[in-house]
C-alpha atoms as a PDB file:
ATOM      1  CA  THR A   1     105.115 114.950  77.313  1.00  0.00           C
ATOM      2  CA  GLN A   2     106.721 110.935  78.400  1.00  0.00           C
ATOM      3  CA  GLU A   3     109.604 112.514  80.807  1.00  0.00           C
ATOM      4  CA  SER A   4     106.015 114.879  82.419  1.00  0.00           C
ATOM      5  CA  LEU A   5     103.567 111.382  82.062  1.00  0.00           C
ATOM      6  CA  TYR A   6     106.184 108.860  84.001  1.00  0.00           C
ATOM      7  CA  LYS A   7     107.260 111.573  86.454  1.00  0.00           C
ATOM      8  CA  HIS A   8     103.608 112.066  88.132  1.00  0.00           C
ATOM      9  CA  GLU A   9     101.511 108.661  87.173  1.00  0.00           C
ATOM     10  CA  VAL A  10     104.474 105.753  87.169  1.00  0.00           C
ATOM     11  CA  SER A  11     107.074 107.419  88.625  1.00  0.00           C
ATOM     12  CA  PRO A  12     105.736 106.694  91.930  1.00  0.00           C
ATOM     13  CA  LEU A  13     104.328 103.097  90.813  1.00  0.00           C
ATOM     14  CA  VAL A  14     108.030 101.780  90.844  1.00  0.00           C
ATOM     15  CA  ASP A  15     107.711 103.013  94.470  1.00  0.00           C
ATOM     16  CA  ALA A  16     105.475 101.554  95.346  1.00  0.00           C
ATOM     17  CA  PHE A  17     107.293  98.609  93.540  1.00  0.00           C
ATOM     18  CA  VAL A  18     110.340  98.831  95.281  1.00  0.00           C
ATOM     19  CA  GLU A  19     109.380  98.946  98.399  1.00  0.00           C
ATOM     20  CA  GLY A  20     106.296  95.306  98.351  1.00  0.00           C
ATOM     21  CA  PHE A  21     103.394  96.365  97.121  1.00  0.00           C
ATOM     22  CA  ASN A  22     102.194  94.935  94.121  1.00  0.00           C
ATOM     23  CA  ALA A  23     101.851  97.799  90.857  1.00  0.00           C
ATOM     24  CA  THR A  24     100.040  98.056  87.278  1.00  0.00           C
ATOM     25  CA  LEU A  25     100.461 100.159  84.071  1.00  0.00           C
ATOM     26  CA  PHE A  26      97.685  99.394  81.549  1.00  0.00           C
ATOM     27  CA  ALA A  27      97.239 101.140  78.802  1.00  0.00           C
ATOM     28  CA  TYR A  28      93.948 101.399  76.844  1.00  0.00           C
ATOM     29  CA  GLY A  29      92.941 103.325  73.247  1.00  0.00           C
ATOM     30  CA  GLN A  30      91.091 102.758  70.002  1.00  0.00           C
ATOM     31  CA  THR A  31      93.572 101.163  67.543  1.00  0.00           C
ATOM     32  CA  GLY A  32      96.390 103.940  65.802  1.00  0.00           C
ATOM     33  CA  SER A  33      96.455 105.898  69.295  1.00  0.00           C
ATOM     34  CA  GLY A  34      99.869 105.411  70.325  1.00  0.00           C
ATOM     35  CA  LYS A  35      99.295 102.977  73.174  1.00  0.00           C
ATOM     36  CA  THR A  36     102.809 100.618  72.480  1.00  0.00           C
ATOM     37  CA  PHE A  37     104.468 104.201  71.968  1.00  0.00           C
ATOM     38  CA  THR A  38     103.322 105.397  75.399  1.00  0.00           C
ATOM     39  CA  MET A  39     104.365 102.276  76.721  1.00  0.00           C
ATOM     40  CA  GLY A  40     108.041 101.154  75.315  1.00  0.00           C
ATOM     41  CA  THR A  41     106.969  98.077  73.814  1.00  0.00           C
ATOM     42  CA  SER A  42     107.723  97.986  70.807  1.00  0.00           C
ATOM     43  CA  VAL A  43     111.516  97.170  69.893  1.00  0.00           C
ATOM     44  CA  PRO A  44     113.899  99.817  71.674  1.00  0.00           C
ATOM     45  CA  ASP A  45     115.414 101.965  69.601  1.00  0.00           C
ATOM     46  CA  ILE A  46     119.289 103.189  71.698  1.00  0.00           C
ATOM     47  CA  SER A  47     119.265 106.092  69.525  1.00  0.00           C
ATOM     48  CA  SER A  48     116.381 107.375  70.593  1.00  0.00           C
ATOM     49  CA  PRO A  49     116.141 110.749  71.771  1.00  0.00           C
ATOM     50  CA  ALA A  50     115.648 110.802  75.559  1.00  0.00           C
ATOM     51  CA  LYS A  51     111.806 112.902  75.621  1.00  0.00           C
ATOM     52  CA  ARG A  52     110.421 109.873  73.212  1.00  0.00           C
ATOM     53  CA  ILE A  53     111.322 106.893  75.722  1.00  0.00           C
ATOM     54  CA  GLY A  54     108.114 104.462  76.990  1.00  0.00           C
ATOM     55  CA  MET A  55     107.368 103.520  80.498  1.00  0.00           C
ATOM     56  CA  ILE A  56     109.109 100.751  80.877  1.00  0.00           C
ATOM     57  CA  PRO A  57     113.049 101.515  79.417  1.00  0.00           C
ATOM     58  CA  ARG A  58     112.608 104.526  82.373  1.00  0.00           C
ATOM     59  CA  ALA A  59     110.590 102.529  84.512  1.00  0.00           C
ATOM     60  CA  ILE A  60     113.572  99.922  84.417  1.00  0.00           C
ATOM     61  CA  HIS A  61     116.404 101.973  85.340  1.00  0.00           C
ATOM     62  CA  GLN A  62     114.516 103.346  88.069  1.00  0.00           C
ATOM     63  CA  ILE A  63     114.234 100.238  89.242  1.00  0.00           C
ATOM     64  CA  PHE A  64     117.959  99.385  88.907  1.00  0.00           C
ATOM     65  CA  ASN A  65     118.698 102.374  90.383  1.00  0.00           C
ATOM     66  CA  MET A  66     116.721 102.103  93.061  1.00  0.00           C
ATOM     67  CA  ILE A  67     117.703  98.705  94.218  1.00  0.00           C
ATOM     68  CA  GLN A  68     121.961  99.868  93.939  1.00  0.00           C
ATOM     69  CA  SER A  69     121.273 102.777  96.587  1.00  0.00           C
ATOM     70  CA  LEU A  70     119.329  99.864  98.805  1.00  0.00           C
ATOM     71  CA  ARG A  71     122.673  97.864  98.273  1.00  0.00           C
ATOM     72  CA  ASP A  72     124.872 101.044  98.692  1.00  0.00           C
ATOM     73  CA  LYS A  73     123.220 101.884 101.607  1.00  0.00           C
ATOM     74  CA  ASP A  74     123.093  98.778 103.644  1.00  0.00           C
ATOM     75  CA  GLN A  75     127.081  98.365 103.075  1.00  0.00           C
ATOM     76  CA  GLN A  76     126.705 101.718 105.340  1.00  0.00           C
ATOM     77  CA  SER A  77     124.567 100.974 108.218  1.00  0.00           C
ATOM     78  CA  PRO A  78     126.210  98.918 111.100  1.00  0.00           C
ATOM     79  CA  LEU A  79     127.463  94.688 111.135  1.00  0.00           C
ATOM     80  CA  ASP A  80     124.696  93.984 113.139  1.00  0.00           C
ATOM     81  CA  SER A  81     121.713  96.014 111.263  1.00  0.00           C
ATOM     82  CA  PRO A  82     119.458  94.025 108.640  1.00  0.00           C
ATOM     83  CA  THR A  83     121.129  94.366 105.245  1.00  0.00           C
ATOM     84  CA  SER A  84     118.510  92.911 102.264  1.00  0.00           C
ATOM     85  CA  SER A  85     119.422  90.994  98.935  1.00  0.00           C
ATOM     86  CA  TYR A  86     117.783  91.779  96.020  1.00  0.00           C
ATOM     87  CA  THR A  87     116.272  89.398  92.793  1.00  0.00           C
ATOM     88  CA  VAL A  88     114.647  90.627  89.694  1.00  0.00           C
ATOM     89  CA  LYS A  89     113.260  88.393  86.976  1.00  0.00           C
ATOM     90  CA  VAL A  90     111.224  89.153  83.620  1.00  0.00           C
ATOM     91  CA  SER A  91     108.098  87.860  82.029  1.00  0.00           C
ATOM     92  CA  PHE A  92     106.865  88.830  78.973  1.00  0.00           C
ATOM     93  CA  LEU A  93     103.910  87.101  77.437  1.00  0.00           C
ATOM     94  CA  GLU A  94     100.919  87.771  74.378  1.00  0.00           C
ATOM     95  CA  LEU A  95      97.502  87.011  74.888  1.00  0.00           C
ATOM     96  CA  HIS A  96      97.087  86.191  70.976  1.00  0.00           C
ATOM     97  CA  ASN A  97      93.061  85.239  70.054  1.00  0.00           C
ATOM     98  CA  GLU A  98      92.967  84.586  73.545  1.00  0.00           C
ATOM     99  CA  GLU A  99      95.775  81.490  73.145  1.00  0.00           C
ATOM    100  CA  TRP A 100      98.696  82.971  75.635  1.00  0.00           C
ATOM    101  CA  VAL A 101     101.746  83.336  74.011  1.00  0.00           C
ATOM    102  CA  ASP A 102     105.597  82.893  75.614  1.00  0.00           C
ATOM    103  CA  LEU A 103     107.762  85.842  74.350  1.00  0.00           C
ATOM    104  CA  LEU A 104     110.826  84.586  76.176  1.00  0.00           C
ATOM    105  CA  LYS A 105     111.144  81.542  73.548  1.00  0.00           C
ATOM    106  CA  GLU A 106     112.450  80.908  70.791  1.00  0.00           C
ATOM    107  CA  PRO A 107     109.067  81.422  68.529  1.00  0.00           C
ATOM    108  CA  SER A 108     108.541  77.768  67.092  1.00  0.00           C
ATOM    109  CA  LEU A 109     108.411  76.977  70.458  1.00  0.00           C
ATOM    110  CA  ALA A 110     106.004  80.671  72.026  1.00  0.00           C
ATOM    111  CA  HIS A 111     103.027  79.319  70.903  1.00  0.00           C
ATOM    112  CA  ALA A 112     102.925  75.286  71.939  1.00  0.00           C
ATOM    113  CA  SER A 113     103.538  77.398  75.631  1.00  0.00           C
ATOM    114  CA  ARG A 114     101.862  75.458  78.780  1.00  0.00           C
ATOM    115  CA  ILE A 115     100.690  78.741  80.068  1.00  0.00           C
ATOM    116  CA  SER A 116      97.380  78.308  82.924  1.00  0.00           C
ATOM    117  CA  ILE A 117      96.092  81.746  85.314  1.00  0.00           C
ATOM    118  CA  ARG A 118      95.425  79.684  88.904  1.00  0.00           C
ATOM    119  CA  GLU A 119      94.213  81.230  91.866  1.00  0.00           C
ATOM    120  CA  ASP A 120      95.978  80.601  95.488  1.00  0.00           C
ATOM    121  CA  LYS A 121      94.073  80.582  98.898  1.00  0.00           C
ATOM    122  CA  GLU A 122      95.058  83.393  99.193  1.00  0.00           C
ATOM    123  CA  GLY A 123      93.034  84.999  96.162  1.00  0.00           C
ATOM    124  CA  ARG A 124      96.059  85.904  95.000  1.00  0.00           C
ATOM    125  CA  ILE A 125      96.489  85.078  90.715  1.00  0.00           C
ATOM    126  CA  SER A 126      99.665  84.100  89.593  1.00  0.00           C
ATOM    127  CA  ILE A 127     100.743  82.675  85.941  1.00  0.00           C
ATOM    128  CA  HIS A 128     101.925  79.520  85.737  1.00  0.00           C
ATOM    129  CA  GLY A 129     104.440  77.965  82.677  1.00  0.00           C
ATOM    130  CA  ALA A 130     105.856  81.059  81.816  1.00  0.00           C
ATOM    131  CA  THR A 131     109.070  81.703  81.284  1.00  0.00           C
ATOM    132  CA  ASN A 132     111.092  84.129  83.722  1.00  0.00           C
ATOM    133  CA  VAL A 133     114.406  85.060  83.370  1.00  0.00           C
ATOM    134  CA  VAL A 134     116.522  86.439  86.336  1.00  0.00           C
ATOM    135  CA  VAL A 135     118.168  89.951  85.184  1.00  0.00           C
ATOM    136  CA  ALA A 136     121.102  91.538  87.318  1.00  0.00           C
ATOM    137  CA  SER A 137     120.851  94.755  85.361  1.00  0.00           C
ATOM    138  CA  PRO A 138     119.224  97.201  83.203  1.00  0.00           C
ATOM    139  CA  GLU A 139     120.634  96.505  80.203  1.00  0.00           C
ATOM    140  CA  ALA A 140     119.854  92.749  80.077  1.00  0.00           C
ATOM    141  CA  ALA A 141     115.950  93.601  80.822  1.00  0.00           C
ATOM    142  CA  LEU A 142     115.975  96.026  77.847  1.00  0.00           C
ATOM    143  CA  ALA A 143     117.070  93.325  75.631  1.00  0.00           C
ATOM    144  CA  LEU A 144     114.331  91.060  77.291  1.00  0.00           C
ATOM    145  CA  LEU A 145     111.706  93.785  75.876  1.00  0.00           C
ATOM    146  CA  ALA A 146     113.906  94.020  72.868  1.00  0.00           C
ATOM    147  CA  LYS A 147     113.494  90.273  72.461  1.00  0.00           C
ATOM    148  CA  GLY A 148     109.585  89.565  72.554  1.00  0.00           C
ATOM    149  CA  SER A 149     109.148  93.059  70.885  1.00  0.00           C
ATOM    150  CA  LYS A 150     110.244  91.164  67.569  1.00  0.00           C
ATOM    151  CA  ILE A 151     108.293  88.367  67.608  1.00  0.00           C
ATOM    152  CA  ARG A 152     104.970  90.012  69.171  1.00  0.00           C
ATOM    153  CA  SER A 153     102.190  89.154  66.874  1.00  0.00           C
ATOM    154  CA  THR A 154     101.165  92.480  64.260  1.00  0.00           C
ATOM    155  CA  ALA A 155      99.810  93.151  61.142  1.00  0.00           C
ATOM    156  CA  ALA A 156      98.653  96.158  58.098  1.00  0.00           C
ATOM    157  CA  THR A 157      95.103  97.382  59.009  1.00  0.00           C
ATOM    158  CA  GLY A 158      93.152  99.756  57.331  1.00  0.00           C
ATOM    159  CA  MET A 159      93.917 102.219  60.051  1.00  0.00           C
ATOM    160  CA  ASN A 160      97.374 101.058  61.586  1.00  0.00           C
ATOM    161  CA  GLU A 161      99.953 100.062  59.688  1.00  0.00           C
ATOM    162  CA  THR A 162     102.113  98.275  62.121  1.00  0.00           C
ATOM    163  CA  SER A 163      98.620  97.251  63.990  1.00  0.00           C
ATOM    164  CA  SER A 164      99.585  95.307  67.239  1.00  0.00           C
ATOM    165  CA  ARG A 165      97.185  92.100  67.029  1.00  0.00           C
ATOM    166  CA  SER A 166      98.220  91.199  71.217  1.00  0.00           C
ATOM    167  CA  HIS A 167      97.423  92.080  74.773  1.00  0.00           C
ATOM    168  CA  ALA A 168     100.963  92.084  75.367  1.00  0.00           C
ATOM    169  CA  ILE A 169     102.441  92.243  79.195  1.00  0.00           C
ATOM    170  CA  PHE A 170     105.511  92.519  79.983  1.00  0.00           C
ATOM    171  CA  SER A 171     106.193  91.750  84.318  1.00  0.00           C
ATOM    172  CA  LEU A 172     108.993  91.812  86.678  1.00  0.00           C
ATOM    173  CA  THR A 173     108.714  90.314  90.007  1.00  0.00           C
ATOM    174  CA  LEU A 174     111.357  91.755  92.977  1.00  0.00           C
ATOM    175  CA  ILE A 175     112.148  89.098  95.246  1.00  0.00           C
ATOM    176  CA  THR A 176     113.679  91.232  98.715  1.00  0.00           C
ATOM    177  CA  THR A 177     115.269  88.722 101.053  1.00  0.00           C
ATOM    178  CA  GLN A 178     116.260  90.598 104.628  1.00  0.00           C
ATOM    179  CA  VAL A 179     118.820  89.134 107.046  1.00  0.00           C
ATOM    180  CA  THR A 180     120.148  89.709 110.294  1.00  0.00           C
ATOM    181  CA  ASN A 181     124.013  89.326 110.596  1.00  0.00           C
ATOM    182  CA  GLN A 182     122.966  86.226 113.026  1.00  0.00           C
ATOM    183  CA  GLN A 183     121.375  85.188 110.120  1.00  0.00           C
ATOM    184  CA  GLN A 184     123.497  85.196 107.808  1.00  0.00           C
ATOM    185  CA  GLN A 185     126.147  83.467 110.375  1.00  0.00           C
ATOM    186  CA  TRP A 186     123.771  80.868 110.773  1.00  0.00           C
ATOM    187  CA  SER A 187     122.618  80.725 107.372  1.00  0.00           C
ATOM    188  CA  ARG A 188     126.611  80.133 106.528  1.00  0.00           C
ATOM    189  CA  SER A 189     126.766  77.507 108.825  1.00  0.00           C
ATOM    190  CA  LEU A 190     123.414  75.825 107.554  1.00  0.00           C
ATOM    191  CA  GLN A 191     125.603  76.323 103.724  1.00  0.00           C
ATOM    192  CA  LYS A 192     128.736  74.803 105.092  1.00  0.00           C
ATOM    193  CA  GLN A 193     127.076  71.407 106.292  1.00  0.00           C
ATOM    194  CA  ALA A 194     124.886  71.096 103.293  1.00  0.00           C
ATOM    195  CA  GLY A 195     127.602  71.667 101.284  1.00  0.00           C
ATOM    196  CA  THR A 196     125.690  73.906  99.184  1.00  0.00           C
ATOM    197  CA  GLY A 197     125.902  77.863  98.867  1.00  0.00           C
ATOM    198  CA  ASN A 198     122.124  79.158  97.910  1.00  0.00           C
ATOM    199  CA  THR A 199     120.662  78.420 101.763  1.00  0.00           C
ATOM    200  CA  THR A 200     118.518  81.592 102.256  1.00  0.00           C
ATOM    201  CA  ILE A 201     117.516  82.353 105.823  1.00  0.00           C
ATOM    202  CA  GLY A 202     115.476  85.983 106.420  1.00  0.00           C
ATOM    203  CA  LEU A 203     111.554  87.454 105.763  1.00  0.00           C
ATOM    204  CA  THR A 204     111.318  87.409 101.878  1.00  0.00           C
ATOM    205  CA  ILE A 205     109.366  90.254  99.715  1.00  0.00           C
ATOM    206  CA  SER A 206     107.875  89.292  96.473  1.00  0.00           C
ATOM    207  CA  SER A 207     106.725  92.277  94.646  1.00  0.00           C
ATOM    208  CA  LYS A 208     105.028  92.313  91.072  1.00  0.00           C
ATOM    209  CA  PHE A 209     105.013  94.738  88.157  1.00  0.00           C
ATOM    210  CA  HIS A 210     102.817  94.097  85.222  1.00  0.00           C
ATOM    211  CA  PHE A 211     102.627  96.606  81.864  1.00  0.00           C
ATOM    212  CA  VAL A 212      99.759  96.061  80.528  1.00  0.00           C
ATOM    213  CA  ASP A 213      99.800  96.904  76.335  1.00  0.00           C
ATOM    214  CA  LEU A 214      96.257  96.609  75.568  1.00  0.00           C
ATOM    215  CA  ALA A 215      95.411  95.856  71.297  1.00  0.00           C
ATOM    216  CA  GLY A 216      93.542  98.032  70.275  1.00  0.00           C
ATOM    217  CA  SER A 217      89.949  98.570  69.951  1.00  0.00           C
ATOM    218  CA  GLU A 218      88.767  98.651  66.715  1.00  0.00           C
ATOM    219  CA  ARG A 219      85.564  99.308  64.007  1.00  0.00           C
ATOM    220  CA  LEU A 220      85.558  96.802  61.557  1.00  0.00           C
ATOM    221  CA  LYS A 221      84.133  99.486  58.934  1.00  0.00           C
ATOM    222  CA  ARG A 222      87.012 101.220  59.537  1.00  0.00           C
ATOM    223  CA  THR A 223      89.830  99.078  59.162  1.00  0.00           C
ATOM    224  CA  GLN A 224      88.443  97.163  56.956  1.00  0.00           C
ATOM    225  CA  ASN A 225      90.150  93.772  58.125  1.00  0.00           C
ATOM    226  CA  THR A 226      89.092  90.304  57.040  1.00  0.00           C
ATOM    227  CA  GLY A 227      90.492  86.551  57.172  1.00  0.00           C
ATOM    228  CA  ASP A 228      92.893  86.248  59.810  1.00  0.00           C
ATOM    229  CA  ARG A 229      92.934  90.055  60.367  1.00  0.00           C
ATOM    230  CA  LYS A 230      88.951  90.123  61.351  1.00  0.00           C
ATOM    231  CA  ALA A 231      88.892  87.480  63.882  1.00  0.00           C
ATOM    232  CA  GLU A 232      91.731  88.788  65.203  1.00  0.00           C
ATOM    233  CA  GLY A 233      89.704  91.869  65.615  1.00  0.00           C
ATOM    234  CA  ILE A 234      86.379  89.935  67.090  1.00  0.00           C
ATOM    235  CA  SER A 235      88.687  88.347  70.217  1.00  0.00           C
ATOM    236  CA  ILE A 236      90.366  91.270  70.425  1.00  0.00           C
ATOM    237  CA  ASN A 237      87.101  93.560  71.454  1.00  0.00           C
ATOM    238  CA  GLN A 238      85.594  90.328  72.280  1.00  0.00           C
ATOM    239  CA  GLY A 239      88.316  90.733  75.445  1.00  0.00           C
ATOM    240  CA  LEU A 240      88.522  94.718  75.703  1.00  0.00           C
ATOM    241  CA  LEU A 241      83.893  94.410  75.788  1.00  0.00           C
ATOM    242  CA  VAL A 242      84.200  92.256  78.825  1.00  0.00           C
ATOM    243  CA  LEU A 243      86.906  94.464  81.132  1.00  0.00           C
ATOM    244  CA  GLY A 244      84.447  96.969  79.843  1.00  0.00           C
ATOM    245  CA  ARG A 245      81.477  94.652  82.054  1.00  0.00           C
ATOM    246  CA  VAL A 246      84.434  94.474  85.231  1.00  0.00           C
ATOM    247  CA  ILE A 247      84.671  97.613  85.521  1.00  0.00           C
ATOM    248  CA  ASN A 248      80.782  98.399  85.120  1.00  0.00           C
ATOM    249  CA  CYS A 249      80.389  96.033  87.597  1.00  0.00           C
ATOM    250  CA  LEU A 250      83.226  97.046  90.336  1.00  0.00           C
ATOM    251  CA  THR A 251      82.101 101.046  89.835  1.00  0.00           C
ATOM    252  CA  ASP A 252      78.589 100.448  90.219  1.00  0.00           C
ATOM    253  CA  SER A 253      76.857 103.342  92.552  1.00  0.00           C
ATOM    254  CA  LYS A 254      73.602 100.711  92.344  1.00  0.00           C
ATOM    255  CA  ASN A 255      75.392  97.387  93.824  1.00  0.00           C
ATOM    256  CA  THR A 256      73.344  95.253  90.996  1.00  0.00           C
ATOM    257  CA  CYS A 257      76.493  93.070  90.900  1.00  0.00           C
ATOM    258  CA  ALA A 258      76.801  93.132  94.532  1.00  0.00           C
ATOM    259  CA  ASP A 259      75.094  89.174  94.652  1.00  0.00           C
ATOM    260  CA  ALA A 260      76.355  88.049  91.413  1.00  0.00           C
ATOM    261  CA  VAL A 261      80.374  87.335  90.347  1.00  0.00           C
ATOM    262  CA  VAL A 262      82.736  90.195  89.137  1.00  0.00           C
ATOM    263  CA  PRO A 263      82.514  88.391  85.080  1.00  0.00           C
ATOM    264  CA  TYR A 264      86.514  88.207  85.486  1.00  0.00           C
ATOM    265  CA  ARG A 265      86.407  84.263  84.326  1.00  0.00           C
ATOM    266  CA  ASP A 266      85.001  85.462  81.263  1.00  0.00           C
ATOM    267  CA  SER A 267      88.308  86.154  79.276  1.00  0.00           C
ATOM    268  CA  LYS A 268      91.970  85.206  79.709  1.00  0.00           C
ATOM    269  CA  LEU A 269      92.646  88.891  79.807  1.00  0.00           C
ATOM    270  CA  THR A 270      89.949  90.356  82.738  1.00  0.00           C
ATOM    271  CA  ARG A 271      91.161  86.899  84.724  1.00  0.00           C
ATOM    272  CA  PHE A 272      94.343  87.992  84.400  1.00  0.00           C
ATOM    273  CA  LEU A 273      94.042  92.330  85.422  1.00  0.00           C
ATOM    274  CA  GLN A 274      91.682  90.347  88.618  1.00  0.00           C
ATOM    275  CA  ASP A 275      94.231  91.477  90.794  1.00  0.00           C
ATOM    276  CA  SER A 276      94.904  94.670  89.555  1.00  0.00           C
ATOM    277  CA  LEU A 277      91.562  95.695  88.919  1.00  0.00           C
ATOM    278  CA  GLY A 278      89.758  93.800  92.593  1.00  0.00           C
ATOM    279  CA  GLY A 279      92.848  93.045  94.422  1.00  0.00           C
ATOM    280  CA  ASN A 280      94.954  95.576  96.288  1.00  0.00           C
ATOM    281  CA  SER A 281      97.661  96.375  93.232  1.00  0.00           C
ATOM    282  CA  LYS A 282      98.355  99.845  92.533  1.00  0.00           C
ATOM    283  CA  THR A 283      96.927 100.480  89.426  1.00  0.00           C
ATOM    284  CA  VAL A 284      97.354 103.320  86.833  1.00  0.00           C
ATOM    285  CA  MET A 285      95.386 102.533  83.254  1.00  0.00           C
ATOM    286  CA  LEU A 286      96.735 105.403  80.455  1.00  0.00           C
ATOM    287  CA  ALA A 287      94.123 106.608  77.875  1.00  0.00           C
ATOM    288  CA  CYS A 288      95.115 107.210  74.794  1.00  0.00           C
ATOM    289  CA  VAL A 289      93.319 109.342  72.595  1.00  0.00           C
ATOM    290  CA  SER A 290      93.782 110.421  68.434  1.00  0.00           C
ATOM    291  CA  ALA A 291      93.914 113.639  67.554  1.00  0.00           C
ATOM    292  CA  LEU A 292      92.057 112.810  64.289  1.00  0.00           C
ATOM    293  CA  GLU A 293      88.502 114.452  64.302  1.00  0.00           C
ATOM    294  CA  THR A 294      87.145 111.507  61.639  1.00  0.00           C
ATOM    295  CA  ASP A 295      88.175 109.403  65.723  1.00  0.00           C
ATOM    296  CA  LEU A 296      86.199 111.446  68.137  1.00  0.00           C
ATOM    297  CA  PRO A 297      83.492 109.086  68.474  1.00  0.00           C
ATOM    298  CA  GLU A 298      85.837 106.367  69.753  1.00  0.00           C
ATOM    299  CA  THR A 299      88.202 109.459  71.830  1.00  0.00           C
ATOM    300  CA  ILE A 300      84.832 109.780  73.559  1.00  0.00           C
ATOM    301  CA  ASN A 301      84.272 105.753  74.682  1.00  0.00           C
ATOM    302  CA  THR A 302      87.704 105.443  75.575  1.00  0.00           C
ATOM    303  CA  LEU A 303      87.602 108.620  77.955  1.00  0.00           C
ATOM    304  CA  ARG A 304      84.425 107.058  79.660  1.00  0.00           C
ATOM    305  CA  TYR A 305      85.750 104.101  80.246  1.00  0.00           C
ATOM    306  CA  ALA A 306      88.791 105.757  82.057  1.00  0.00           C
ATOM    307  CA  SER A 307      86.394 107.732  83.768  1.00  0.00           C
ATOM    308  CA  ARG A 308      84.203 104.549  84.903  1.00  0.00           C
ATOM    309  CA  ALA A 309      87.916 102.608  85.908  1.00  0.00           C
ATOM    310  CA  ARG A 310      88.770 106.070  88.088  1.00  0.00           C
ATOM    311  CA  GLY A 311      85.829 105.051  89.879  1.00  0.00           C
ATOM    312  CA  ILE A 312      87.202 101.330  91.538  1.00  0.00           C
ATOM    313  CA  GLN A 313      88.535 101.574  94.697  1.00  0.00           C
END
């Protein structure tokens, strides 16, 4: 069930995220295998039974519940004990035909976004140019999820009436600032002198949680796609092929890639997932499969894919 999957696989990632670790959850599988349903990146329906709620809405509620518990704990601590402030930011992107689309912008501006992937001196990957919205409640975060989901690229194919035509990446950033009572007094003094009210002094920890709903792998003979749908399918398969090569390289026991560069840069998808696959992120991959006998070859490929990914250290 969704609840059992979340409890055993995703909830520990949320715990690590609130503690300051980077986390990634991504779903892989053929088109129509239930990735979007499992992740919860479709337009949220508040009337849906609790057992049908996806991973993202569940994680959002757990994150804000944990933050509220930490705030309550701070209020009960002695005055000289360190306290923390928490800021949550949301971004929502899709990778459509190898072009970034900002799903939190107005539809007319979403495709015109100048989004780029950059690597800092310490090798950390970051997205520049994407809209980041500060949210103070789970309802605000879910509203942004719904807003982006409505303009995500979908279309009917021979295998799926509402097939996702892009990779969707819903990201949460948690900024935790820890300050002591003495630092708070110093900060207020600086604010008074500067005439501002937003000076913050203390240890700052930033952690990110990426929820990646990958577009499904497709066989053109089965989807019967033509025109734009065919071009989208080819782009999707190319990105997933590069992801497979990266995973194979990272898990190659014969070390044939030891003297070669892992091909992260061959695709914007793998470039974005570089930290999640080869960095210090805590990552879980959900392998989604179909129950149909006709989908058996794709089911076997998905399980092989997941088996290789499991070997990444």
